[in-house]
Amino acid sequence: MLPMLSAIAPIAKILFNTIDKAVEDKDLNARLKADLQTQLLQSNTEELKAAAKVIEAEAKAGWFAYSWRPLLMYVLIFILVWNYIFGPIVKFFFGAAITIELPGDVWTLLQIGLGGYVVGRSAESVARTMSNKQ
């Protein structure tokens, strides 16, 4: 699920349940739910458009501007591979522990980075699709 929708989903569920309890007229009930769902999807579309504009601006700014996030992720992944795969092998054969200490927030940064990459790629696809329609 997309970031904004996943954040609003619990609230939307409460609103849908409230509509079910408060509105007995089935047509009005369905119309209110449809309107609410339409508003949520329009808000999400605006968020994706904004994300696509950021990605587009970074891409136009040059190689370093759009590459710093992937480069940072590559460095973090290298450190993780070194610490948990190659480091123990070196320690086993040579008795020397060569690891790179990571602050606790690095895991959070890695999760955000990977999440941002997935959302960014989705936004790129949406932007490409929308630009092809125009």
N, C-alpha and C. Protein backbone atom coordinates (compact mmCIF):
# COMPACT_ATOMS: atom_id res chain seq x y z
N MET A 1 0.85 -1.18 0.00
CA MET A 1 0.00 0.00 0.00
C MET A 1 0.89 1.24 0.00
N LEU A 2 0.43 2.28 -0.59
CA LEU A 2 1.22 3.50 -0.71
C LEU A 2 1.28 4.20 0.63
N PRO A 3 2.33 5.04 0.86
CA PRO A 3 2.58 5.61 2.19
C PRO A 3 1.39 6.34 2.80
N MET A 4 0.81 7.25 2.04
CA MET A 4 -0.26 8.04 2.63
C MET A 4 -1.49 7.18 2.90
N LEU A 5 -1.82 6.31 1.96
CA LEU A 5 -2.99 5.46 2.16
C LEU A 5 -2.79 4.53 3.34
N SER A 6 -1.59 4.01 3.51
CA SER A 6 -1.35 3.12 4.64
C SER A 6 -1.45 3.87 5.96
N ALA A 7 -1.10 5.14 5.97
CA ALA A 7 -1.20 5.94 7.19
C ALA A 7 -2.65 6.31 7.50
N ILE A 8 -3.44 6.50 6.46
CA ILE A 8 -4.82 6.95 6.64
C ILE A 8 -5.80 5.78 6.72
N ALA A 9 -5.37 4.59 6.31
CA ALA A 9 -6.26 3.43 6.25
C ALA A 9 -7.01 3.17 7.56
N PRO A 10 -6.36 3.22 8.73
CA PRO A 10 -7.12 2.99 9.97
C PRO A 10 -8.20 4.05 10.20
N ILE A 11 -7.89 5.29 9.87
CA ILE A 11 -8.87 6.37 10.04
C ILE A 11 -10.02 6.17 9.05
N ALA A 12 -9.69 5.79 7.82
CA ALA A 12 -10.72 5.56 6.81
C ALA A 12 -11.64 4.42 7.24
N LYS A 13 -11.06 3.39 7.82
CA LYS A 13 -11.86 2.25 8.30
C LYS A 13 -12.84 2.71 9.38
N ILE A 14 -12.36 3.54 10.29
CA ILE A 14 -13.24 4.07 11.34
C ILE A 14 -14.34 4.91 10.72
N LEU A 15 -13.98 5.74 9.74
CA LEU A 15 -15.00 6.57 9.08
C LEU A 15 -16.03 5.72 8.35
N PHE A 16 -15.57 4.68 7.65
CA PHE A 16 -16.51 3.79 6.95
C PHE A 16 -17.45 3.11 7.96
N ASN A 17 -16.90 2.65 9.09
CA ASN A 17 -17.74 2.03 10.12
C ASN A 17 -18.73 3.01 10.70
N THR A 18 -18.29 4.25 10.89
CA THR A 18 -19.18 5.29 11.41
C THR A 18 -20.30 5.58 10.43
N ILE A 19 -19.97 5.64 9.16
CA ILE A 19 -21.00 5.85 8.13
C ILE A 19 -22.01 4.70 8.16
N ASP A 20 -21.49 3.46 8.29
CA ASP A 20 -22.38 2.30 8.35
C ASP A 20 -23.35 2.40 9.53
N LYS A 21 -22.86 2.86 10.67
CA LYS A 21 -23.69 2.94 11.88
C LYS A 21 -24.64 4.14 11.85
N ALA A 22 -24.18 5.25 11.28
CA ALA A 22 -24.96 6.49 11.37
C ALA A 22 -25.93 6.70 10.21
N VAL A 23 -25.64 6.13 9.05
CA VAL A 23 -26.47 6.39 7.87
C VAL A 23 -27.21 5.10 7.49
N GLU A 24 -28.51 5.13 7.68
CA GLU A 24 -29.31 3.93 7.41
C GLU A 24 -29.69 3.81 5.93
N ASP A 25 -29.83 4.93 5.25
CA ASP A 25 -30.17 4.92 3.83
C ASP A 25 -29.01 4.32 3.04
N LYS A 26 -29.25 3.17 2.39
CA LYS A 26 -28.16 2.45 1.71
C LYS A 26 -27.57 3.23 0.55
N ASP A 27 -28.39 3.97 -0.18
CA ASP A 27 -27.87 4.77 -1.30
C ASP A 27 -26.97 5.89 -0.79
N LEU A 28 -27.44 6.60 0.24
CA LEU A 28 -26.64 7.68 0.82
C LEU A 28 -25.36 7.11 1.44
N ASN A 29 -25.49 5.97 2.10
CA ASN A 29 -24.34 5.30 2.71
C ASN A 29 -23.29 4.99 1.64
N ALA A 30 -23.71 4.39 0.55
CA ALA A 30 -22.79 4.03 -0.53
C ALA A 30 -22.18 5.28 -1.17
N ARG A 31 -22.98 6.33 -1.34
CA ARG A 31 -22.49 7.57 -1.95
C ARG A 31 -21.45 8.24 -1.05
N LEU A 32 -21.71 8.26 0.27
CA LEU A 32 -20.75 8.86 1.20
C LEU A 32 -19.42 8.09 1.20
N LYS A 33 -19.51 6.77 1.20
CA LYS A 33 -18.29 5.96 1.17
C LYS A 33 -17.53 6.17 -0.14
N ALA A 34 -18.26 6.24 -1.25
CA ALA A 34 -17.61 6.45 -2.54
C ALA A 34 -16.93 7.82 -2.58
N ASP A 35 -17.60 8.83 -2.05
CA ASP A 35 -17.00 10.17 -2.01
C ASP A 35 -15.75 10.19 -1.15
N LEU A 36 -15.80 9.54 0.00
CA LEU A 36 -14.64 9.48 0.88
C LEU A 36 -13.48 8.75 0.20
N GLN A 37 -13.79 7.64 -0.44
CA GLN A 37 -12.75 6.88 -1.14
C GLN A 37 -12.15 7.70 -2.29
N THR A 38 -12.98 8.42 -3.00
CA THR A 38 -12.50 9.27 -4.09
C THR A 38 -11.56 10.34 -3.56
N GLN A 39 -11.92 10.96 -2.45
CA GLN A 39 -11.07 11.99 -1.85
C GLN A 39 -9.72 11.40 -1.42
N LEU A 40 -9.74 10.22 -0.83
CA LEU A 40 -8.49 9.58 -0.41
C LEU A 40 -7.60 9.27 -1.61
N LEU A 41 -8.19 8.76 -2.68
CA LEU A 41 -7.40 8.44 -3.87
C LEU A 41 -6.87 9.70 -4.55
N GLN A 42 -7.66 10.78 -4.57
CA GLN A 42 -7.18 12.03 -5.16
C GLN A 42 -6.01 12.59 -4.35
N SER A 43 -6.10 12.50 -3.03
CA SER A 43 -5.00 12.97 -2.18
C SER A 43 -3.75 12.16 -2.44
N ASN A 44 -3.92 10.86 -2.58
CA ASN A 44 -2.77 9.99 -2.84
C ASN A 44 -2.16 10.30 -4.20
N THR A 45 -2.99 10.58 -5.19
CA THR A 45 -2.50 10.94 -6.52
C THR A 45 -1.66 12.21 -6.46
N GLU A 46 -2.13 13.19 -5.69
CA GLU A 46 -1.36 14.43 -5.55
C GLU A 46 -0.01 14.16 -4.89
N GLU A 47 0.00 13.28 -3.89
CA GLU A 47 1.26 12.94 -3.22
C GLU A 47 2.22 12.27 -4.22
N LEU A 48 1.72 11.36 -5.03
CA LEU A 48 2.57 10.70 -6.02
C LEU A 48 3.09 11.68 -7.06
N LYS A 49 2.25 12.64 -7.47
CA LYS A 49 2.70 13.65 -8.43
C LYS A 49 3.84 14.48 -7.85
N ALA A 50 3.70 14.85 -6.57
CA ALA A 50 4.75 15.63 -5.92
C ALA A 50 6.04 14.83 -5.83
N ALA A 51 5.94 13.55 -5.47
CA ALA A 51 7.13 12.70 -5.39
C ALA A 51 7.78 12.55 -6.76
N ALA A 52 6.96 12.41 -7.79
CA ALA A 52 7.49 12.29 -9.15
C ALA A 52 8.22 13.57 -9.56
N LYS A 53 7.70 14.74 -9.16
CA LYS A 53 8.36 16.00 -9.49
C LYS A 53 9.73 16.10 -8.81
N VAL A 54 9.82 15.61 -7.57
CA VAL A 54 11.10 15.63 -6.86
C VAL A 54 12.10 14.73 -7.58
N ILE A 55 11.67 13.55 -7.95
CA ILE A 55 12.55 12.62 -8.67
C ILE A 55 12.99 13.22 -10.00
N GLU A 56 12.06 13.83 -10.70
CA GLU A 56 12.36 14.45 -11.99
C GLU A 56 13.37 15.59 -11.82
N ALA A 57 13.19 16.41 -10.79
CA ALA A 57 14.12 17.52 -10.54
C ALA A 57 15.51 17.00 -10.22
N GLU A 58 15.59 15.92 -9.41
CA GLU A 58 16.89 15.35 -9.09
C GLU A 58 17.56 14.79 -10.34
N ALA A 59 16.78 14.14 -11.19
CA ALA A 59 17.34 13.56 -12.41
C ALA A 59 17.90 14.64 -13.33
N LYS A 60 17.28 15.79 -13.36
CA LYS A 60 17.75 16.89 -14.20
C LYS A 60 18.95 17.60 -13.60
N ALA A 61 19.16 17.44 -12.28
CA ALA A 61 20.22 18.17 -11.60
C ALA A 61 21.61 17.59 -11.86
N GLY A 62 21.70 16.37 -12.33
CA GLY A 62 23.01 15.79 -12.61
C GLY A 62 23.21 14.47 -11.90
N TRP A 63 24.31 13.80 -12.29
CA TRP A 63 24.60 12.46 -11.82
C TRP A 63 24.69 12.38 -10.30
N PHE A 64 25.43 13.27 -9.68
CA PHE A 64 25.64 13.17 -8.23
C PHE A 64 24.34 13.41 -7.47
N ALA A 65 23.53 14.34 -7.95
CA ALA A 65 22.28 14.66 -7.25
C ALA A 65 21.32 13.48 -7.23
N TYR A 66 21.24 12.73 -8.31
CA TYR A 66 20.30 11.61 -8.30
C TYR A 66 20.95 10.29 -7.88
N SER A 67 22.27 10.27 -7.69
CA SER A 67 22.95 9.03 -7.33
C SER A 67 23.31 8.92 -5.86
N TRP A 68 23.17 9.97 -5.07
CA TRP A 68 23.67 9.90 -3.71
C TRP A 68 22.90 8.88 -2.87
N ARG A 69 21.60 8.74 -3.09
CA ARG A 69 20.84 7.76 -2.30
C ARG A 69 21.25 6.33 -2.64
N PRO A 70 21.29 5.97 -3.93
CA PRO A 70 21.74 4.61 -4.24
C PRO A 70 23.17 4.35 -3.77
N LEU A 71 24.05 5.33 -3.91
CA LEU A 71 25.43 5.14 -3.46
C LEU A 71 25.49 4.90 -1.95
N LEU A 72 24.72 5.66 -1.20
CA LEU A 72 24.67 5.47 0.25
C LEU A 72 24.15 4.07 0.59
N MET A 73 23.12 3.63 -0.11
CA MET A 73 22.58 2.29 0.13
C MET A 73 23.62 1.21 -0.22
N TYR A 74 24.37 1.41 -1.30
CA TYR A 74 25.42 0.45 -1.65
C TYR A 74 26.48 0.37 -0.55
N VAL A 75 26.86 1.50 -0.02
CA VAL A 75 27.86 1.51 1.06
C VAL A 75 27.32 0.77 2.28
N LEU A 76 26.08 1.06 2.66
CA LEU A 76 25.49 0.39 3.83
C LEU A 76 25.36 -1.11 3.60
N ILE A 77 24.96 -1.50 2.42
CA ILE A 77 24.84 -2.93 2.13
C ILE A 77 26.21 -3.60 2.13
N PHE A 78 27.23 -2.90 1.61
CA PHE A 78 28.59 -3.44 1.66
C PHE A 78 29.03 -3.66 3.10
N ILE A 79 28.75 -2.68 3.96
CA ILE A 79 29.12 -2.81 5.38
C ILE A 79 28.41 -4.00 6.01
N LEU A 80 27.13 -4.17 5.72
CA LEU A 80 26.39 -5.29 6.27
C LEU A 80 26.95 -6.63 5.77
N VAL A 81 27.23 -6.71 4.47
CA VAL A 81 27.80 -7.94 3.91
C VAL A 81 29.17 -8.20 4.53
N TRP A 82 29.97 -7.17 4.69
CA TRP A 82 31.30 -7.34 5.29
C TRP A 82 31.17 -7.84 6.73
N ASN A 83 30.33 -7.18 7.52
CA ASN A 83 30.21 -7.52 8.94
C ASN A 83 29.63 -8.92 9.17
N TYR A 84 28.72 -9.35 8.33
CA TYR A 84 28.02 -10.60 8.62
C TYR A 84 28.41 -11.77 7.71
N ILE A 85 29.16 -11.52 6.65
CA ILE A 85 29.58 -12.62 5.78
C ILE A 85 31.11 -12.70 5.72
N PHE A 86 31.75 -11.65 5.20
CA PHE A 86 33.20 -11.70 5.02
C PHE A 86 33.97 -11.54 6.33
N GLY A 87 33.48 -10.69 7.23
CA GLY A 87 34.14 -10.49 8.52
C GLY A 87 34.30 -11.79 9.30
N PRO A 88 33.24 -12.57 9.47
CA PRO A 88 33.39 -13.84 10.19
C PRO A 88 34.33 -14.83 9.49
N ILE A 89 34.36 -14.81 8.15
CA ILE A 89 35.29 -15.69 7.43
C ILE A 89 36.73 -15.29 7.70
N VAL A 90 37.00 -13.97 7.65
CA VAL A 90 38.35 -13.48 7.95
C VAL A 90 38.73 -13.82 9.38
N LYS A 91 37.80 -13.66 10.31
CA LYS A 91 38.07 -13.98 11.71
C LYS A 91 38.35 -15.47 11.88
N PHE A 92 37.61 -16.31 11.19
CA PHE A 92 37.79 -17.76 11.29
C PHE A 92 39.18 -18.19 10.80
N PHE A 93 39.60 -17.67 9.65
CA PHE A 93 40.86 -18.09 9.07
C PHE A 93 42.08 -17.38 9.64
N PHE A 94 41.95 -16.11 10.00
CA PHE A 94 43.11 -15.33 10.42
C PHE A 94 43.05 -14.89 11.88
N GLY A 95 41.93 -15.08 12.54
CA GLY A 95 41.81 -14.73 13.95
C GLY A 95 41.67 -13.25 14.21
N ALA A 96 41.57 -12.46 13.19
CA ALA A 96 41.45 -11.01 13.35
C ALA A 96 40.02 -10.60 13.03
N ALA A 97 39.42 -9.91 13.97
CA ALA A 97 38.06 -9.42 13.74
C ALA A 97 38.13 -8.03 13.11
N ILE A 98 37.70 -7.94 11.89
CA ILE A 98 37.69 -6.66 11.20
C ILE A 98 36.24 -6.35 10.85
N THR A 99 35.63 -5.58 11.70
CA THR A 99 34.23 -5.20 11.45
C THR A 99 34.11 -3.68 11.50
N ILE A 100 33.07 -3.20 10.92
CA ILE A 100 32.79 -1.77 10.90
C ILE A 100 31.61 -1.54 11.82
N GLU A 101 31.82 -0.78 12.88
CA GLU A 101 30.75 -0.51 13.84
C GLU A 101 29.71 0.42 13.23
N LEU A 102 28.47 0.04 13.37
CA LEU A 102 27.38 0.84 12.85
C LEU A 102 26.54 1.39 14.00
N PRO A 103 26.22 2.66 13.96
CA PRO A 103 25.30 3.20 14.96
C PRO A 103 23.92 2.54 14.79
N GLY A 104 23.14 2.51 15.84
CA GLY A 104 21.83 1.88 15.81
C GLY A 104 20.89 2.47 14.78
N ASP A 105 21.04 3.74 14.50
CA ASP A 105 20.15 4.40 13.54
C ASP A 105 20.40 3.99 12.10
N VAL A 106 21.49 3.29 11.85
CA VAL A 106 21.80 2.89 10.48
C VAL A 106 20.75 1.90 9.97
N TRP A 107 20.27 1.02 10.84
CA TRP A 107 19.22 0.09 10.43
C TRP A 107 17.97 0.86 10.01
N THR A 108 17.62 1.87 10.78
CA THR A 108 16.46 2.69 10.44
C THR A 108 16.70 3.39 9.11
N LEU A 109 17.89 3.93 8.95
CA LEU A 109 18.24 4.60 7.69
C LEU A 109 18.13 3.64 6.51
N LEU A 110 18.60 2.43 6.70
CA LEU A 110 18.54 1.43 5.64
C LEU A 110 17.08 1.09 5.31
N GLN A 111 16.24 0.94 6.33
CA GLN A 111 14.83 0.65 6.09
C GLN A 111 14.15 1.80 5.36
N ILE A 112 14.44 3.02 5.80
CA ILE A 112 13.85 4.19 5.14
C ILE A 112 14.35 4.28 3.70
N GLY A 113 15.64 4.04 3.54
CA GLY A 113 16.23 4.11 2.20
C GLY A 113 15.62 3.09 1.26
N LEU A 114 15.48 1.86 1.72
CA LEU A 114 14.87 0.84 0.87
C LEU A 114 13.40 1.14 0.62
N GLY A 115 12.70 1.61 1.65
CA GLY A 115 11.30 1.99 1.48
C GLY A 115 11.17 3.15 0.51
N GLY A 116 12.05 4.13 0.64
CA GLY A 116 12.05 5.26 -0.28
C GLY A 116 12.35 4.85 -1.70
N TYR A 117 13.25 3.88 -1.84
CA TYR A 117 13.58 3.39 -3.18
C TYR A 117 12.36 2.73 -3.82
N VAL A 118 11.66 1.91 -3.05
CA VAL A 118 10.48 1.22 -3.58
C VAL A 118 9.41 2.23 -3.95
N VAL A 119 9.14 3.18 -3.06
CA VAL A 119 8.13 4.21 -3.33
C VAL A 119 8.58 5.09 -4.49
N GLY A 120 9.86 5.42 -4.52
CA GLY A 120 10.38 6.25 -5.61
C GLY A 120 10.23 5.58 -6.96
N ARG A 121 10.53 4.28 -7.01
CA ARG A 121 10.38 3.56 -8.27
C ARG A 121 8.91 3.50 -8.68
N SER A 122 8.02 3.35 -7.69
CA SER A 122 6.58 3.35 -7.99
C SER A 122 6.16 4.71 -8.53
N ALA A 123 6.64 5.77 -7.89
CA ALA A 123 6.30 7.11 -8.35
C ALA A 123 6.84 7.36 -9.75
N GLU A 124 8.04 6.85 -10.03
CA GLU A 124 8.60 6.96 -11.37
C GLU A 124 7.70 6.30 -12.40
N SER A 125 7.22 5.12 -12.07
CA SER A 125 6.33 4.40 -12.99
C SER A 125 5.04 5.17 -13.21
N VAL A 126 4.49 5.72 -12.13
CA VAL A 126 3.25 6.50 -12.25
C VAL A 126 3.51 7.74 -13.09
N ALA A 127 4.62 8.42 -12.85
CA ALA A 127 4.94 9.62 -13.61
C ALA A 127 5.11 9.30 -15.09
N ARG A 128 5.79 8.20 -15.38
CA ARG A 128 5.99 7.79 -16.77
C ARG A 128 4.64 7.48 -17.44
N THR A 129 3.78 6.77 -16.72
CA THR A 129 2.47 6.43 -17.26
C THR A 129 1.64 7.68 -17.50
N MET A 130 1.67 8.61 -16.53
CA MET A 130 0.89 9.83 -16.67
C MET A 130 1.42 10.70 -17.80
N SER A 131 2.74 10.76 -17.98
CA SER A 131 3.29 11.58 -19.06
C SER A 131 2.99 10.97 -20.43
N ASN A 132 2.88 9.65 -20.50
CA ASN A 132 2.53 8.99 -21.76
C ASN A 132 1.08 9.25 -22.13
N LYS A 133 0.22 9.43 -21.14
CA LYS A 133 -1.20 9.70 -21.41
C LYS A 133 -1.40 11.11 -21.95
N GLN A 134 -0.53 12.04 -21.58
CA GLN A 134 -0.68 13.42 -22.01
C GLN A 134 -0.11 13.55 -23.35
